[in-house]
Amino acid sequence: ITNMLRSYISSYRDLPVYVYQFQNKLRNELRAKSGIMR
């Protein structure tokens, strides 16, 4: 996201920027014993 915003932020007039998303994350957890809590 920081790299992407290099294309859109160059001046103080371009700030602030607040962005969010809902997305599936993938993490190679050593333990996965807490159901959907981990």
Full PDB file with SEQRES, HELIX, SHEET, SSBOND, CRYST1, ORIGX, SCALE, CONECT and MASTER records, all heavy atoms in Angstrom:
SEQRES   1 A   38  ILE THR ASN MET LEU ARG SER TYR ILE SER SER TYR ARG          
SEQRES   2 A   38  ASP LEU PRO VAL TYR VAL TYR GLN PHE GLN ASN LYS LEU          
SEQRES   3 A   38  ARG ASN GLU LEU ARG ALA LYS SER GLY ILE MET ARG              
HELIX    1 AA1 THR A    2  LEU A    5  1                                   4    
HELIX    2 AA2 TYR A   12  ASP A   14  5                                   3    
HELIX    3 AA3 GLY A   35  MET A   37  5                                   3    
CRYST1    1.000    1.000    1.000  90.00  90.00  90.00 P 1           1          
ORIGX1      1.000000  0.000000  0.000000        0.00000                         
ORIGX2      0.000000  1.000000  0.000000        0.00000                         
ORIGX3      0.000000  0.000000  1.000000        0.00000                         
SCALE1      1.000000  0.000000  0.000000        0.00000                         
SCALE2      0.000000  1.000000  0.000000        0.00000                         
SCALE3      0.000000  0.000000  1.000000        0.00000                         
ATOM      1  N   ILE A   1       0.835  -1.205   0.000  1.00  0.00           N  
ATOM      2  CA  ILE A   1       0.000   0.000   0.000  1.00  0.00           C  
ATOM      3  C   ILE A   1       0.871   1.256   0.000  1.00  0.00           C  
ATOM      4  O   ILE A   1       0.589   2.231  -0.706  1.00  0.00           O  
ATOM      5  CB  ILE A   1      -0.984  -0.016   1.184  1.00  0.00           C  
ATOM      6  CG1 ILE A   1      -2.118  -0.999   0.879  1.00  0.00           C  
ATOM      7  CG2 ILE A   1      -1.537   1.370   1.472  1.00  0.00           C  
ATOM      8  CD1 ILE A   1      -3.197  -1.077   1.928  1.00  0.00           C  
ATOM      9  N   THR A   2       1.960   1.239   0.777  1.00  0.00           N  
ATOM     10  CA  THR A   2       2.878   2.387   0.779  1.00  0.00           C  
ATOM     11  C   THR A   2       3.488   2.583  -0.599  1.00  0.00           C  
ATOM     12  O   THR A   2       3.575   3.713  -1.108  1.00  0.00           O  
ATOM     13  CB  THR A   2       3.991   2.182   1.823  1.00  0.00           C  
ATOM     14  OG1 THR A   2       3.403   2.095   3.125  1.00  0.00           O  
ATOM     15  CG2 THR A   2       4.982   3.338   1.803  1.00  0.00           C  
ATOM     16  N   ASN A   3       3.898   1.498  -1.228  1.00  0.00           N  
ATOM     17  CA  ASN A   3       4.482   1.588  -2.564  1.00  0.00           C  
ATOM     18  C   ASN A   3       3.462   2.109  -3.565  1.00  0.00           C  
ATOM     19  O   ASN A   3       3.782   2.945  -4.425  1.00  0.00           O  
ATOM     20  CB  ASN A   3       4.994   0.219  -2.993  1.00  0.00           C  
ATOM     21  CG  ASN A   3       5.713   0.249  -4.323  1.00  0.00           C  
ATOM     22  OD1 ASN A   3       6.731   0.923  -4.476  1.00  0.00           O  
ATOM     23  ND2 ASN A   3       5.188  -0.472  -5.298  1.00  0.00           N  
ATOM     24  N   MET A   4       2.222   1.631  -3.469  1.00  0.00           N  
ATOM     25  CA  MET A   4       1.168   2.092  -4.380  1.00  0.00           C  
ATOM     26  C   MET A   4       0.944   3.599  -4.260  1.00  0.00           C  
ATOM     27  O   MET A   4       0.774   4.306  -5.270  1.00  0.00           O  
ATOM     28  CB  MET A   4      -0.132   1.358  -4.073  1.00  0.00           C  
ATOM     29  CG  MET A   4      -1.327   1.800  -4.930  1.00  0.00           C  
ATOM     30  SD  MET A   4      -2.887   1.093  -4.363  1.00  0.00           S  
ATOM     31  CE  MET A   4      -3.146   2.016  -2.847  1.00  0.00           C  
ATOM     32  N   LEU A   5       0.977   4.107  -3.029  1.00  0.00           N  
ATOM     33  CA  LEU A   5       0.665   5.522  -2.820  1.00  0.00           C  
ATOM     34  C   LEU A   5       1.769   6.463  -3.292  1.00  0.00           C  
ATOM     35  O   LEU A   5       1.566   7.675  -3.350  1.00  0.00           O  
ATOM     36  CB  LEU A   5       0.332   5.778  -1.349  1.00  0.00           C  
ATOM     37  CG  LEU A   5      -1.046   5.242  -0.931  1.00  0.00           C  
ATOM     38  CD1 LEU A   5      -1.314   5.484   0.538  1.00  0.00           C  
ATOM     39  CD2 LEU A   5      -2.153   5.881  -1.768  1.00  0.00           C  
ATOM     40  N   ARG A   6       2.915   5.910  -3.670  1.00  0.00           N  
ATOM     41  CA  ARG A   6       3.934   6.750  -4.318  1.00  0.00           C  
ATOM     42  C   ARG A   6       3.389   7.333  -5.615  1.00  0.00           C  
ATOM     43  O   ARG A   6       3.833   8.383  -6.075  1.00  0.00           O  
ATOM     44  CB  ARG A   6       5.184   5.928  -4.606  1.00  0.00           C  
ATOM     45  CG  ARG A   6       5.943   5.480  -3.357  1.00  0.00           C  
ATOM     46  CD  ARG A   6       7.073   4.533  -3.707  1.00  0.00           C  
ATOM     47  NE  ARG A   6       8.033   5.160  -4.610  1.00  0.00           N  
ATOM     48  CZ  ARG A   6       8.800   4.510  -5.463  1.00  0.00           C  
ATOM     49  NH1 ARG A   6       8.704   3.190  -5.571  1.00  0.00           N  
ATOM     50  NH2 ARG A   6       9.643   5.155  -6.231  1.00  0.00           N  
ATOM     51  N   SER A   7       2.406   6.649  -6.213  1.00  0.00           N  
ATOM     52  CA  SER A   7       1.810   7.134  -7.462  1.00  0.00           C  
ATOM     53  C   SER A   7       0.770   8.219  -7.230  1.00  0.00           C  
ATOM     54  O   SER A   7       0.329   8.864  -8.183  1.00  0.00           O  
ATOM     55  CB  SER A   7       1.148   5.959  -8.212  1.00  0.00           C  
ATOM     56  OG  SER A   7       2.091   4.973  -8.549  1.00  0.00           O  
ATOM     57  N   TYR A   8       0.377   8.437  -5.965  1.00  0.00           N  
ATOM     58  CA  TYR A   8      -0.738   9.351  -5.685  1.00  0.00           C  
ATOM     59  C   TYR A   8      -0.400  10.456  -4.689  1.00  0.00           C  
ATOM     60  O   TYR A   8      -1.161  11.414  -4.549  1.00  0.00           O  
ATOM     61  CB  TYR A   8      -1.936   8.547  -5.163  1.00  0.00           C  
ATOM     62  CG  TYR A   8      -2.386   7.482  -6.129  1.00  0.00           C  
ATOM     63  CD1 TYR A   8      -1.987   6.152  -5.975  1.00  0.00           C  
ATOM     64  CD2 TYR A   8      -3.185   7.810  -7.230  1.00  0.00           C  
ATOM     65  CE1 TYR A   8      -2.378   5.180  -6.869  1.00  0.00           C  
ATOM     66  CE2 TYR A   8      -3.582   6.835  -8.129  1.00  0.00           C  
ATOM     67  CZ  TYR A   8      -3.176   5.524  -7.948  1.00  0.00           C  
ATOM     68  OH  TYR A   8      -3.558   4.566  -8.850  1.00  0.00           O  
ATOM     69  N   ILE A   9       0.721  10.334  -3.985  1.00  0.00           N  
ATOM     70  CA  ILE A   9       1.102  11.359  -3.009  1.00  0.00           C  
ATOM     71  C   ILE A   9       2.414  11.995  -3.440  1.00  0.00           C  
ATOM     72  O   ILE A   9       3.428  11.312  -3.612  1.00  0.00           O  
ATOM     73  CB  ILE A   9       1.279  10.735  -1.597  1.00  0.00           C  
ATOM     74  CG1 ILE A   9      -0.050  10.223  -1.056  1.00  0.00           C  
ATOM     75  CG2 ILE A   9       1.881  11.766  -0.633  1.00  0.00           C  
ATOM     76  CD1 ILE A   9       0.077   9.472   0.260  1.00  0.00           C  
ATOM     77  N   SER A  10       2.389  13.299  -3.616  1.00  0.00           N  
ATOM     78  CA  SER A  10       3.619  14.042  -3.915  1.00  0.00           C  
ATOM     79  C   SER A  10       3.649  15.390  -3.214  1.00  0.00           C  
ATOM     80  O   SER A  10       4.714  15.939  -2.962  1.00  0.00           O  
ATOM     81  CB  SER A  10       3.768  14.250  -5.432  1.00  0.00           C  
ATOM     82  OG  SER A  10       2.646  14.967  -5.946  1.00  0.00           O  
ATOM     83  N   SER A  11       2.455  15.920  -2.870  1.00  0.00           N  
ATOM     84  CA  SER A  11       2.333  17.247  -2.268  1.00  0.00           C  
ATOM     85  C   SER A  11       1.571  17.168  -0.948  1.00  0.00           C  
ATOM     86  O   SER A  11       0.837  16.205  -0.694  1.00  0.00           O  
ATOM     87  CB  SER A  11       1.594  18.179  -3.238  1.00  0.00           C  
ATOM     88  OG  SER A  11       1.128  19.340  -2.597  1.00  0.00           O  
ATOM     89  N   TYR A  12       1.751  18.212  -0.139  1.00  0.00           N  
ATOM     90  CA  TYR A  12       0.980  18.304   1.115  1.00  0.00           C  
ATOM     91  C   TYR A  12      -0.512  18.330   0.829  1.00  0.00           C  
ATOM     92  O   TYR A  12      -1.329  17.949   1.674  1.00  0.00           O  
ATOM     93  CB  TYR A  12       1.411  19.545   1.901  1.00  0.00           C  
ATOM     94  CG  TYR A  12       1.028  20.862   1.263  1.00  0.00           C  
ATOM     95  CD1 TYR A  12      -0.162  21.513   1.602  1.00  0.00           C  
ATOM     96  CD2 TYR A  12       1.851  21.472   0.309  1.00  0.00           C  
ATOM     97  CE1 TYR A  12      -0.526  22.723   1.014  1.00  0.00           C  
ATOM     98  CE2 TYR A  12       1.497  22.668  -0.278  1.00  0.00           C  
ATOM     99  CZ  TYR A  12       0.316  23.294   0.079  1.00  0.00           C  
ATOM    100  OH  TYR A  12      -0.036  24.487  -0.504  1.00  0.00           O  
ATOM    101  N   ARG A  13      -0.880  18.763  -0.363  1.00  0.00           N  
ATOM    102  CA  ARG A  13      -2.301  18.800  -0.736  1.00  0.00           C  
ATOM    103  C   ARG A  13      -2.890  17.388  -0.873  1.00  0.00           C  
ATOM    104  O   ARG A  13      -4.106  17.216  -0.841  1.00  0.00           O  
ATOM    105  CB  ARG A  13      -2.486  19.561  -2.050  1.00  0.00           C  
ATOM    106  CG  ARG A  13      -2.132  21.044  -1.981  1.00  0.00           C  
ATOM    107  CD  ARG A  13      -2.483  21.725  -3.297  1.00  0.00           C  
ATOM    108  NE  ARG A  13      -2.165  23.153  -3.288  1.00  0.00           N  
ATOM    109  CZ  ARG A  13      -0.999  23.661  -3.654  1.00  0.00           C  
ATOM    110  NH1 ARG A  13      -0.029  22.840  -4.088  1.00  0.00           N  
ATOM    111  NH2 ARG A  13      -0.786  24.967  -3.617  1.00  0.00           N  
ATOM    112  N   ASP A  14      -2.024  16.393  -1.052  1.00  0.00           N  
ATOM    113  CA  ASP A  14      -2.492  15.016  -1.234  1.00  0.00           C  
ATOM    114  C   ASP A  14      -2.728  14.276   0.091  1.00  0.00           C  
ATOM    115  O   ASP A  14      -3.181  13.130   0.090  1.00  0.00           O  
ATOM    116  CB  ASP A  14      -1.471  14.214  -2.056  1.00  0.00           C  
ATOM    117  CG  ASP A  14      -1.213  14.834  -3.417  1.00  0.00           C  
ATOM    118  OD1 ASP A  14      -2.177  15.349  -4.022  1.00  0.00           O  
ATOM    119  OD2 ASP A  14      -0.051  14.815  -3.871  1.00  0.00           O  
ATOM    120  N   LEU A  15      -2.386  14.916   1.184  1.00  0.00           N  
ATOM    121  CA  LEU A  15      -2.478  14.278   2.491  1.00  0.00           C  
ATOM    122  C   LEU A  15      -3.572  14.911   3.342  1.00  0.00           C  
ATOM    123  O   LEU A  15      -3.900  16.080   3.157  1.00  0.00           O  
ATOM    124  CB  LEU A  15      -1.130  14.385   3.215  1.00  0.00           C  
ATOM    125  CG  LEU A  15       0.019  13.596   2.571  1.00  0.00           C  
ATOM    126  CD1 LEU A  15       1.348  13.993   3.188  1.00  0.00           C  
ATOM    127  CD2 LEU A  15      -0.211  12.096   2.732  1.00  0.00           C  
ATOM    128  N   PRO A  16      -4.158  14.178   4.273  1.00  0.00           N  
ATOM    129  CA  PRO A  16      -3.858  12.791   4.622  1.00  0.00           C  
ATOM    130  C   PRO A  16      -4.571  11.804   3.706  1.00  0.00           C  
ATOM    131  O   PRO A  16      -5.508  12.159   2.996  1.00  0.00           O  
ATOM    132  CB  PRO A  16      -4.402  12.675   6.050  1.00  0.00           C  
ATOM    133  CG  PRO A  16      -5.604  13.586   6.037  1.00  0.00           C  
ATOM    134  CD  PRO A  16      -5.190  14.759   5.165  1.00  0.00           C  
ATOM    135  N   VAL A  17      -4.125  10.557   3.754  1.00  0.00           N  
ATOM    136  CA  VAL A  17      -4.796   9.458   3.064  1.00  0.00           C  
ATOM    137  C   VAL A  17      -5.053   8.354   4.088  1.00  0.00           C  
ATOM    138  O   VAL A  17      -4.134   7.946   4.815  1.00  0.00           O  
ATOM    139  CB  VAL A  17      -3.933   8.900   1.914  1.00  0.00           C  
ATOM    140  CG1 VAL A  17      -4.557   7.626   1.345  1.00  0.00           C  
ATOM    141  CG2 VAL A  17      -3.771   9.946   0.815  1.00  0.00           C  
ATOM    142  N   TYR A  18      -6.300   7.884   4.144  1.00  0.00           N  
ATOM    143  CA  TYR A  18      -6.676   6.772   5.023  1.00  0.00           C  
ATOM    144  C   TYR A  18      -7.372   5.712   4.166  1.00  0.00           C  
ATOM    145  O   TYR A  18      -8.393   6.007   3.526  1.00  0.00           O  
ATOM    146  CB  TYR A  18      -7.632   7.228   6.132  1.00  0.00           C  
ATOM    147  CG  TYR A  18      -7.199   8.472   6.872  1.00  0.00           C  
ATOM    148  CD1 TYR A  18      -8.086   9.548   7.020  1.00  0.00           C  
ATOM    149  CD2 TYR A  18      -5.918   8.583   7.421  1.00  0.00           C  
ATOM    150  CE1 TYR A  18      -7.702  10.696   7.709  1.00  0.00           C  
ATOM    151  CE2 TYR A  18      -5.529   9.717   8.102  1.00  0.00           C  
ATOM    152  CZ  TYR A  18      -6.432  10.777   8.233  1.00  0.00           C  
ATOM    153  OH  TYR A  18      -6.045  11.916   8.912  1.00  0.00           O  
ATOM    154  N   VAL A  19      -6.823   4.514   4.129  1.00  0.00           N  
ATOM    155  CA  VAL A  19      -7.406   3.448   3.310  1.00  0.00           C  
ATOM    156  C   VAL A  19      -7.527   2.164   4.134  1.00  0.00           C  
ATOM    157  O   VAL A  19      -6.741   1.926   5.056  1.00  0.00           O  
ATOM    158  CB  VAL A  19      -6.570   3.172   2.043  1.00  0.00           C  
ATOM    159  CG1 VAL A  19      -6.606   4.354   1.108  1.00  0.00           C  
ATOM    160  CG2 VAL A  19      -5.126   2.824   2.400  1.00  0.00           C  
ATOM    161  N   TYR A  20      -8.531   1.346   3.794  1.00  0.00           N  
ATOM    162  CA  TYR A  20      -8.686   0.066   4.492  1.00  0.00           C  
ATOM    163  C   TYR A  20      -9.253  -0.972   3.536  1.00  0.00           C  
ATOM    164  O   TYR A  20      -9.767  -0.648   2.465  1.00  0.00           O  
ATOM    165  CB  TYR A  20      -9.602   0.212   5.715  1.00  0.00           C  
ATOM    166  CG  TYR A  20     -11.072   0.411   5.400  1.00  0.00           C  
ATOM    167  CD1 TYR A  20     -11.953  -0.672   5.386  1.00  0.00           C  
ATOM    168  CD2 TYR A  20     -11.596   1.679   5.118  1.00  0.00           C  
ATOM    169  CE1 TYR A  20     -13.305  -0.497   5.111  1.00  0.00           C  
ATOM    170  CE2 TYR A  20     -12.936   1.863   4.844  1.00  0.00           C  
ATOM    171  CZ  TYR A  20     -13.787   0.779   4.843  1.00  0.00           C  
ATOM    172  OH  TYR A  20     -15.126   0.947   4.553  1.00  0.00           O  
ATOM    173  N   GLN A  21      -9.129  -2.224   3.944  1.00  0.00           N  
ATOM    174  CA  GLN A  21      -9.651  -3.324   3.142  1.00  0.00           C  
ATOM    175  C   GLN A  21     -10.080  -4.471   4.057  1.00  0.00           C  
ATOM    176  O   GLN A  21      -9.682  -4.551   5.222  1.00  0.00           O  
ATOM    177  CB  GLN A  21      -8.599  -3.825   2.161  1.00  0.00           C  
ATOM    178  CG  GLN A  21      -7.373  -4.421   2.837  1.00  0.00           C  
ATOM    179  CD  GLN A  21      -6.381  -5.010   1.857  1.00  0.00           C  
ATOM    180  OE1 GLN A  21      -6.672  -5.227   0.693  1.00  0.00           O  
ATOM    181  NE2 GLN A  21      -5.181  -5.286   2.325  1.00  0.00           N  
ATOM    182  N   PHE A  22     -10.927  -5.348   3.513  1.00  0.00           N  
ATOM    183  CA  PHE A  22     -11.221  -6.642   4.133  1.00  0.00           C  
ATOM    184  C   PHE A  22     -10.582  -7.689   3.219  1.00  0.00           C  
ATOM    185  O   PHE A  22     -10.887  -7.739   2.029  1.00  0.00           O  
ATOM    186  CB  PHE A  22     -12.725  -6.888   4.227  1.00  0.00           C  
ATOM    187  CG  PHE A  22     -13.436  -5.918   5.123  1.00  0.00           C  
ATOM    188  CD1 PHE A  22     -14.084  -4.810   4.590  1.00  0.00           C  
ATOM    189  CD2 PHE A  22     -13.474  -6.107   6.497  1.00  0.00           C  
ATOM    190  CE1 PHE A  22     -14.750  -3.916   5.406  1.00  0.00           C  
ATOM    191  CE2 PHE A  22     -14.136  -5.222   7.327  1.00  0.00           C  
ATOM    192  CZ  PHE A  22     -14.777  -4.119   6.790  1.00  0.00           C  
ATOM    193  N   GLN A  23      -9.703  -8.494   3.783  1.00  0.00           N  
ATOM    194  CA  GLN A  23      -9.002  -9.446   2.921  1.00  0.00           C  
ATOM    195  C   GLN A  23      -8.577 -10.678   3.697  1.00  0.00           C  
ATOM    196  O   GLN A  23      -8.288 -10.596   4.892  1.00  0.00           O  
ATOM    197  CB  GLN A  23      -7.763  -8.797   2.307  1.00  0.00           C  
ATOM    198  CG  GLN A  23      -7.136  -9.638   1.204  1.00  0.00           C  
ATOM    199  CD  GLN A  23      -5.833  -9.065   0.726  1.00  0.00           C  
ATOM    200  OE1 GLN A  23      -4.849  -9.085   1.454  1.00  0.00           O  
ATOM    201  NE2 GLN A  23      -5.817  -8.556  -0.507  1.00  0.00           N  
ATOM    202  N   ASN A  24      -8.560 -11.809   3.021  1.00  0.00           N  
ATOM    203  CA  ASN A  24      -8.016 -13.022   3.630  1.00  0.00           C  
ATOM    204  C   ASN A  24      -6.498 -12.906   3.716  1.00  0.00           C  
ATOM    205  O   ASN A  24      -5.833 -12.683   2.703  1.00  0.00           O  
ATOM    206  CB  ASN A  24      -8.392 -14.258   2.812  1.00  0.00           C  
ATOM    207  CG  ASN A  24      -9.792 -14.749   3.122  1.00  0.00           C  
ATOM    208  OD1 ASN A  24     -10.606 -14.012   3.663  1.00  0.00           O  
ATOM    209  ND2 ASN A  24     -10.058 -15.995   2.790  1.00  0.00           N  
ATOM    210  N   LYS A  25      -5.966 -13.049   4.928  1.00  0.00           N  
ATOM    211  CA  LYS A  25      -4.523 -13.062   5.136  1.00  0.00           C  
ATOM    212  C   LYS A  25      -4.062 -14.508   5.274  1.00  0.00           C  
ATOM    213  O   LYS A  25      -4.803 -15.384   5.743  1.00  0.00           O  
ATOM    214  CB  LYS A  25      -4.153 -12.288   6.408  1.00  0.00           C  
ATOM    215  CG  LYS A  25      -4.665 -10.864   6.445  1.00  0.00           C  
ATOM    216  CD  LYS A  25      -4.058  -9.999   5.364  1.00  0.00           C  
ATOM    217  CE  LYS A  25      -4.538  -8.557   5.520  1.00  0.00           C  
ATOM    218  NZ  LYS A  25      -4.133  -7.713   4.390  1.00  0.00           N  
ATOM    219  N   LEU A  26      -2.832 -14.754   4.889  1.00  0.00           N  
ATOM    220  CA  LEU A  26      -2.247 -16.089   4.954  1.00  0.00           C  
ATOM    221  C   LEU A  26      -0.997 -16.030   5.828  1.00  0.00           C  
ATOM    222  O   LEU A  26      -0.045 -15.315   5.504  1.00  0.00           O  
ATOM    223  CB  LEU A  26      -1.892 -16.579   3.550  1.00  0.00           C  
ATOM    224  CG  LEU A  26      -3.059 -16.636   2.552  1.00  0.00           C  
ATOM    225  CD1 LEU A  26      -2.556 -16.981   1.164  1.00  0.00           C  
ATOM    226  CD2 LEU A  26      -4.093 -17.661   3.009  1.00  0.00           C  
ATOM    227  N   ARG A  27      -1.016 -16.758   6.931  1.00  0.00           N  
ATOM    228  CA  ARG A  27       0.125 -16.773   7.840  1.00  0.00           C  
ATOM    229  C   ARG A  27       0.472 -18.206   8.218  1.00  0.00           C  
ATOM    230  O   ARG A  27      -0.388 -18.965   8.640  1.00  0.00           O  
ATOM    231  CB  ARG A  27      -0.169 -15.941   9.099  1.00  0.00           C  
ATOM    232  CG  ARG A  27      -0.324 -14.454   8.785  1.00  0.00           C  
ATOM    233  CD  ARG A  27      -0.506 -13.606  10.022  1.00  0.00           C  
ATOM    234  NE  ARG A  27      -0.726 -12.208   9.649  1.00  0.00           N  
ATOM    235  CZ  ARG A  27      -0.976 -11.225  10.515  1.00  0.00           C  
ATOM    236  NH1 ARG A  27      -1.039 -11.494  11.813  1.00  0.00           N  
ATOM    237  NH2 ARG A  27      -1.160  -9.991  10.086  1.00  0.00           N  
ATOM    238  N   ASN A  28       1.741 -18.534   8.062  1.00  0.00           N  
ATOM    239  CA  ASN A  28       2.219 -19.889   8.325  1.00  0.00           C  
ATOM    240  C   ASN A  28       2.447 -20.071   9.829  1.00  0.00           C  
ATOM    241  O   ASN A  28       3.580 -20.180  10.298  1.00  0.00           O  
ATOM    242  CB  ASN A  28       3.505 -20.147   7.542  1.00  0.00           C  
ATOM    243  CG  ASN A  28       3.872 -21.611   7.492  1.00  0.00           C  
ATOM    244  OD1 ASN A  28       3.188 -22.459   8.055  1.00  0.00           O  
ATOM    245  ND2 ASN A  28       4.973 -21.911   6.825  1.00  0.00           N  
ATOM    246  N   GLU A  29       1.337 -20.102  10.566  1.00  0.00           N  
ATOM    247  CA  GLU A  29       1.394 -20.209  12.022  1.00  0.00           C  
ATOM    248  C   GLU A  29       1.905 -21.586  12.441  1.00  0.00           C  
ATOM    249  O   GLU A  29       1.506 -22.608  11.882  1.00  0.00           O  
ATOM    250  CB  GLU A  29       0.002 -19.980  12.633  1.00  0.00           C  
ATOM    251  CG  GLU A  29      -0.585 -18.597  12.382  1.00  0.00           C  
ATOM    252  CD  GLU A  29      -0.031 -17.534  13.324  1.00  0.00           C  
ATOM    253  OE1 GLU A  29       0.865 -17.868  14.135  1.00  0.00           O  
ATOM    254  OE2 GLU A  29      -0.488 -16.392  13.246  1.00  0.00           O  
ATOM    255  N   LEU A  30       2.782 -21.594  13.444  1.00  0.00           N  
ATOM    256  CA  LEU A  30       3.282 -22.856  13.972  1.00  0.00           C  
ATOM    257  C   LEU A  30       2.167 -23.640  14.638  1.00  0.00           C  
ATOM    258  O   LEU A  30       2.050 -24.855  14.485  1.00  0.00           O  
ATOM    259  CB  LEU A  30       4.413 -22.598  14.973  1.00  0.00           C  
ATOM    260  CG  LEU A  30       5.049 -23.833  15.619  1.00  0.00           C  
ATOM    261  CD1 LEU A  30       5.710 -24.708  14.547  1.00  0.00           C  
ATOM    262  CD2 LEU A  30       6.074 -23.417  16.672  1.00  0.00           C  
ATOM    263  N   ARG A  31       1.291 -22.907  15.392  1.00  0.00           N  
ATOM    264  CA  ARG A  31       0.181 -23.537  16.095  1.00  0.00           C  
ATOM    265  C   ARG A  31      -1.134 -23.019  15.520  1.00  0.00           C  
ATOM    266  O   ARG A  31      -1.276 -21.836  15.258  1.00  0.00           O  
ATOM    267  CB  ARG A  31       0.234 -23.216  17.593  1.00  0.00           C  
ATOM    268  CG  ARG A  31       1.433 -23.841  18.300  1.00  0.00           C  
ATOM    269  CD  ARG A  31       1.485 -23.447  19.772  1.00  0.00           C  
ATOM    270  NE  ARG A  31       1.659 -22.016  19.937  1.00  0.00           N  
ATOM    271  CZ  ARG A  31       0.748 -21.207  20.461  1.00  0.00           C  
ATOM    272  NH1 ARG A  31      -0.422 -21.695  20.842  1.00  0.00           N  
ATOM    273  NH2 ARG A  31       0.982 -19.930  20.589  1.00  0.00           N  
ATOM    274  N   ALA A  32      -2.066 -23.938  15.351  1.00  0.00           N  
ATOM    275  CA  ALA A  32      -3.400 -23.542  14.874  1.00  0.00           C  
ATOM    276  C   ALA A  32      -4.419 -24.397  15.609  1.00  0.00           C  
ATOM    277  O   ALA A  32      -5.079 -25.246  15.031  1.00  0.00           O  
ATOM    278  CB  ALA A  32      -3.504 -23.722  13.365  1.00  0.00           C  
ATOM    279  N   LYS A  33      -4.523 -24.163  16.911  1.00  0.00           N  
ATOM    280  CA  LYS A  33      -5.358 -25.000  17.766  1.00  0.00           C  
ATOM    281  C   LYS A  33      -6.494 -24.240  18.446  1.00  0.00           C  
ATOM    282  O   LYS A  33      -7.118 -24.762  19.347  1.00  0.00           O  
ATOM    283  CB  LYS A  33      -4.487 -25.667  18.836  1.00  0.00           C  
ATOM    284  CG  LYS A  33      -3.439 -26.621  18.289  1.00  0.00           C  
ATOM    285  CD  LYS A  33      -2.632 -27.258  19.409  1.00  0.00           C  
ATOM    286  CE  LYS A  33      -1.608 -28.221  18.867  1.00  0.00           C  
ATOM    287  NZ  LYS A  33      -0.788 -28.842  19.951  1.00  0.00           N  
ATOM    288  N   SER A  34      -6.748 -23.029  18.018  1.00  0.00           N  
ATOM    289  CA  SER A  34      -7.775 -22.219  18.673  1.00  0.00           C  
ATOM    290  C   SER A  34      -8.957 -21.932  17.761  1.00  0.00           C  
ATOM    291  O   SER A  34      -9.589 -20.889  17.862  1.00  0.00           O  
ATOM    292  CB  SER A  34      -7.153 -20.903  19.169  1.00  0.00           C  
ATOM    293  OG  SER A  34      -6.145 -21.154  20.113  1.00  0.00           O  
ATOM    294  N   GLY A  35      -9.241 -22.845  16.839  1.00  0.00           N  
ATOM    295  CA  GLY A  35     -10.362 -22.633  15.933  1.00  0.00           C  
ATOM    296  C   GLY A  35     -10.131 -21.418  15.060  1.00  0.00           C  
ATOM    297  O   GLY A  35      -9.024 -21.180  14.573  1.00  0.00           O  
ATOM    298  N   ILE A  36     -11.179 -20.621  14.873  1.00  0.00           N  
ATOM    299  CA  ILE A  36     -11.031 -19.439  14.013  1.00  0.00           C  
ATOM    300  C   ILE A  36     -10.408 -18.263  14.762  1.00  0.00           C  
ATOM    301  O   ILE A  36     -10.286 -17.173  14.210  1.00  0.00           O  
ATOM    302  CB  ILE A  36     -12.373 -19.023  13.379  1.00  0.00           C  
ATOM    303  CG1 ILE A  36     -13.421 -18.657  14.447  1.00  0.00           C  
ATOM    304  CG2 ILE A  36     -12.899 -20.133  12.483  1.00  0.00           C  
ATOM    305  CD1 ILE A  36     -14.675 -18.040  13.851  1.00  0.00           C  
ATOM    306  N   MET A  37      -9.994 -18.483  16.010  1.00  0.00           N  
ATOM    307  CA  MET A  37      -9.280 -17.442  16.742  1.00  0.00           C  
ATOM    308  C   MET A  37      -7.806 -17.375  16.358  1.00  0.00           C  
ATOM    309  O   MET A  37      -7.139 -16.392  16.641  1.00  0.00           O  
ATOM    310  CB  MET A  37      -9.434 -17.655  18.245  1.00  0.00           C  
ATOM    311  CG  MET A  37     -10.827 -17.351  18.761  1.00  0.00           C  
ATOM    312  SD  MET A  37     -11.076 -17.883  20.467  1.00  0.00           S  
ATOM    313  CE  MET A  37      -9.793 -17.003  21.343  1.00  0.00           C  
ATOM    314  N   ARG A  38      -7.285 -18.425  15.755  1.00  0.00           N  
ATOM    315  CA  ARG A  38      -5.915 -18.390  15.228  1.00  0.00           C  
ATOM    316  C   ARG A  38      -5.852 -19.293  14.009  1.00  0.00           C  
ATOM    317  O   ARG A  38      -5.749 -20.517  14.133  1.00  0.00           O  
ATOM    318  CB  ARG A  38      -4.880 -18.827  16.267  1.00  0.00           C  
ATOM    319  CG  ARG A  38      -3.444 -18.814  15.711  1.00  0.00           C  
ATOM    320  CD  ARG A  38      -2.417 -19.126  16.760  1.00  0.00           C  
ATOM    321  NE  ARG A  38      -2.282 -18.057  17.714  1.00  0.00           N  
ATOM    322  CZ  ARG A  38      -1.540 -16.973  17.534  1.00  0.00           C  
ATOM    323  NH1 ARG A  38      -0.875 -16.801  16.399  1.00  0.00           N  
ATOM    324  NH2 ARG A  38      -1.456 -16.048  18.468  1.00  0.00           N  
TER     325      ARG A  38                                                      
MASTER        0    0    0    3    0    0    0    6  324    1    0    3          
END                                                                             
